[in-house]
C-alpha atoms as a PDB file:
ATOM      1  CA  MET A   1     118.671  75.989  98.876  1.00  0.00           C
ATOM      2  CA  GLU A   2     119.094  78.852  97.534  1.00  0.00           C
ATOM      3  CA  GLN A   3     117.022  81.979  97.852  1.00  0.00           C
ATOM      4  CA  ARG A   4     115.916  81.908  94.268  1.00  0.00           C
ATOM      5  CA  GLU A   5     114.492  78.107  94.738  1.00  0.00           C
ATOM      6  CA  VAL A   6     112.747  79.297  97.871  1.00  0.00           C
ATOM      7  CA  MET A   7     111.383  82.399  95.825  1.00  0.00           C
ATOM      8  CA  GLN A   8     110.255  79.973  92.804  1.00  0.00           C
ATOM      9  CA  ASN A   9     108.160  77.461  95.340  1.00  0.00           C
ATOM     10  CA  VAL A  10     106.698  80.138  96.883  1.00  0.00           C
ATOM     11  CA  VAL A  11     105.529  81.190  93.461  1.00  0.00           C
ATOM     12  CA  GLY A  12     104.385  78.147  92.976  1.00  0.00           C
ATOM     13  CA  ILE A  13     102.545  78.063  96.440  1.00  0.00           C
ATOM     14  CA  LEU A  14     101.052  81.270  95.284  1.00  0.00           C
ATOM     15  CA  THR A  15      99.963  80.764  91.900  1.00  0.00           C
ATOM     16  CA  GLU A  16      98.293  77.381  93.302  1.00  0.00           C
ATOM     17  CA  ALA A  17      96.655  79.069  96.113  1.00  0.00           C
ATOM     18  CA  LEU A  18      95.254  81.402  92.916  1.00  0.00           C
ATOM     19  CA  GLU A  19      93.750  78.228  91.097  1.00  0.00           C
ATOM     20  CA  MET A  20      92.135  77.131  94.140  1.00  0.00           C
ATOM     21  CA  ARG A  21      90.411  80.099  95.119  1.00  0.00           C
ATOM     22  CA  ARG A  22      89.000  80.285  91.348  1.00  0.00           C
ATOM     23  CA  GLN A  23      88.216  76.385  91.711  1.00  0.00           C
ATOM     24  CA  VAL A  24      86.436  77.484  94.866  1.00  0.00           C
ATOM     25  CA  ARG A  25      84.739  80.678  93.316  1.00  0.00           C
ATOM     26  CA  GLU A  26      83.209  78.108  90.476  1.00  0.00           C
ATOM     27  CA  ASN A  27      82.492  75.382  92.546  1.00  0.00           C
ATOM     28  CA  PRO A  28      81.508  76.514  96.018  1.00  0.00           C
ATOM     29  CA  ASP A  29      80.156  72.870  97.206  1.00  0.00           C
ATOM     30  CA  ARG A  30      83.454  70.951  96.282  1.00  0.00           C
ATOM     31  CA  GLN A  31      86.610  71.385  98.085  1.00  0.00           C
ATOM     32  CA  ALA A  32      89.728  72.305  96.462  1.00  0.00           C
ATOM     33  CA  ALA A  33      92.379  69.921  96.568  1.00  0.00           C
ATOM     34  CA  LEU A  34      95.416  70.205  97.798  1.00  0.00           C
ATOM     35  CA  THR A  35      99.097  69.469  96.649  1.00  0.00           C
ATOM     36  CA  GLY A  36     101.271  69.413  99.464  1.00  0.00           C
ATOM     37  CA  ALA A  37     103.359  71.709  97.734  1.00  0.00           C
ATOM     38  CA  ILE A  38     103.978  73.677 101.196  1.00  0.00           C
ATOM     39  CA  SER A  39     104.827  70.839 103.131  1.00  0.00           C
ATOM     40  CA  ALA A  40     107.288  69.641 100.152  1.00  0.00           C
ATOM     41  CA  LEU A  41     108.473  73.465 100.370  1.00  0.00           C
ATOM     42  CA  LEU A  42     109.487  72.801 104.125  1.00  0.00           C
ATOM     43  CA  VAL A  43     110.882  69.282 103.991  1.00  0.00           C
ATOM     44  CA  GLU A  44     113.258  70.915 101.025  1.00  0.00           C
ATOM     45  CA  THR A  45     113.903  73.650 103.000  1.00  0.00           C
ATOM     46  CA  LEU A  46     114.110  72.951 106.537  1.00  0.00           C
ATOM     47  CA  PRO A  47     116.838  71.085 107.778  1.00  0.00           C
ATOM     48  CA  ARG A  48     117.220  67.758 109.913  1.00  0.00           C
ATOM     49  CA  ILE A  49     118.461  69.059 113.251  1.00  0.00           C
ATOM     50  CA  HIS A  50     120.395  65.987 115.307  1.00  0.00           C
ATOM     51  CA  LEU A  51     120.320  66.699 119.140  1.00  0.00           C
ATOM     52  CA  PRO A  52     122.640  64.773 121.776  1.00  0.00           C
ATOM     53  CA  ALA A  53     120.060  62.623 123.671  1.00  0.00           C
ATOM     54  CA  ASP A  54     121.223  64.370 127.041  1.00  0.00           C
ATOM     55  CA  ALA A  55     120.448  68.376 125.464  1.00  0.00           C
ATOM     56  CA  SER A  56     118.749  69.947 127.997  1.00  0.00           C
ATOM     57  CA  GLY A  57     115.245  71.593 127.084  1.00  0.00           C
ATOM     58  CA  LEU A  58     117.433  75.117 126.654  1.00  0.00           C
ATOM     59  CA  ALA A  59     119.831  73.584 124.667  1.00  0.00           C
ATOM     60  CA  ALA A  60     117.335  71.897 122.339  1.00  0.00           C
ATOM     61  CA  ALA A  61     115.816  75.302 122.115  1.00  0.00           C
ATOM     62  CA  ASP A  62     118.642  77.341 120.978  1.00  0.00           C
ATOM     63  CA  ALA A  63     119.541  74.117 118.661  1.00  0.00           C
ATOM     64  CA  VAL A  64     116.106  74.083 116.739  1.00  0.00           C
ATOM     65  CA  ALA A  65     116.416  78.317 116.786  1.00  0.00           C
ATOM     66  CA  GLU A  66     119.560  78.453 115.504  1.00  0.00           C
ATOM     67  CA  GLU A  67     119.486  75.633 112.530  1.00  0.00           C
ATOM     68  CA  LEU A  68     116.108  76.897 111.709  1.00  0.00           C
ATOM     69  CA  GLY A  69     116.110  80.191 111.659  1.00  0.00           C
ATOM     70  CA  PRO A  70     117.458  81.715 109.021  1.00  0.00           C
ATOM     71  CA  ALA A  71     115.694  78.905 106.709  1.00  0.00           C
ATOM     72  CA  ILE A  72     112.367  80.107 107.952  1.00  0.00           C
ATOM     73  CA  ALA A  73     113.191  83.920 107.923  1.00  0.00           C
ATOM     74  CA  SER A  74     114.375  82.661 104.223  1.00  0.00           C
ATOM     75  CA  ILE A  75     110.545  81.452 103.599  1.00  0.00           C
ATOM     76  CA  ALA A  76     108.929  84.294 105.000  1.00  0.00           C
ATOM     77  CA  ASN A  77     111.322  86.778 103.169  1.00  0.00           C
ATOM     78  CA  CYS A  78     110.033  85.508  99.723  1.00  0.00           C
ATOM     79  CA  PHE A  79     106.382  85.168 101.083  1.00  0.00           C
ATOM     80  CA  ALA A  80     106.651  88.910 102.094  1.00  0.00           C
ATOM     81  CA  PHE A  81     108.496  89.954  99.057  1.00  0.00           C
ATOM     82  CA  ALA A  82     105.872  88.318  96.417  1.00  0.00           C
ATOM     83  CA  PHE A  83     103.293  90.056  98.875  1.00  0.00           C
ATOM     84  CA  VAL A  84     104.738  93.647  98.505  1.00  0.00           C
ATOM     85  CA  GLN A  85     105.053  93.250  94.498  1.00  0.00           C
ATOM     86  CA  LEU A  86     101.246  92.156  94.126  1.00  0.00           C
ATOM     87  CA  ALA A  87     100.164  94.802  96.980  1.00  0.00           C
ATOM     88  CA  GLU A  88     102.355  97.489  94.609  1.00  0.00           C
ATOM     89  CA  VAL A  89     100.386  96.674  91.486  1.00  0.00           C
ATOM     90  CA  HIS A  90      97.088  96.290  93.349  1.00  0.00           C
ATOM     91  CA  ASP A  91      97.884 100.142  95.199  1.00  0.00           C
ATOM     92  CA  GLU A  92      99.324 101.676  91.815  1.00  0.00           C
ATOM     93  CA  GLY A  93      96.024 100.780  89.861  1.00  0.00           C
ATOM     94  CA  ARG A  94      98.265  98.774  87.411  1.00  0.00           C
ATOM     95  CA  THR A  95      95.936  96.302  85.265  1.00  0.00           C
ATOM     96  CA  ASP A  96      98.433  93.320  85.744  1.00  0.00           C
ATOM     97  CA  THR A  97      96.531  90.100  86.909  1.00  0.00           C
ATOM     98  CA  SER A  98      97.868  88.137  89.945  1.00  0.00           C
ATOM     99  CA  ALA A  99      99.047  85.552  88.192  1.00  0.00           C
ATOM    100  CA  GLU A 100     100.950  87.664  85.551  1.00  0.00           C
ATOM    101  CA  VAL A 101     102.619  89.345  88.779  1.00  0.00           C
ATOM    102  CA  LEU A 102     103.325  85.554  89.830  1.00  0.00           C
ATOM    103  CA  ARG A 103     104.915  85.271  86.601  1.00  0.00           C
ATOM    104  CA  HIS A 104     106.932  87.975  86.292  1.00  0.00           C
ATOM    105  CA  ILE A 105     108.564  87.238  90.207  1.00  0.00           C
ATOM    106  CA  SER A 106     109.222  83.866  88.873  1.00  0.00           C
ATOM    107  CA  LEU A 107     110.950  85.139  85.649  1.00  0.00           C
ATOM    108  CA  GLN A 108     113.028  88.050  87.668  1.00  0.00           C
ATOM    109  CA  PHE A 109     114.427  84.764  89.749  1.00  0.00           C
ATOM    110  CA  ALA A 110     115.039  82.249  87.173  1.00  0.00           C
ATOM    111  CA  GLY A 111     118.864  81.541  86.673  1.00  0.00           C
ATOM    112  CA  GLY A 112     119.686  83.113  89.608  1.00  0.00           C
ATOM    113  CA  ALA A 113     118.945  86.993  88.046  1.00  0.00           C
ATOM    114  CA  GLN A 114     118.048  88.700  91.148  1.00  0.00           C
ATOM    115  CA  LYS A 115     117.255  92.516  90.754  1.00  0.00           C
END
């Protein structure tokens, strides 16, 4: 999965989290419904790992780290980027809403146009 696609998914997850938080505030006695967006991102992003049956524990651990490391780093980088964007808006005292900042990030990464 390309970085822009990961970012689009991350923005979707954060947007969904904002909506869930709104629902909880409005209806504190109800449980917010989860959509499985995080699980879907992991399924789409993390590669399948095939290990030989005779792989040692160390060899298996090395293979898992080697295969999963780049995908996990990509996801973490996207969440960190979104967090920093949201934090900067807050710290600068701007009046953009979180939803507006996330929409801007989404547009920034749409169609491969990255800054």
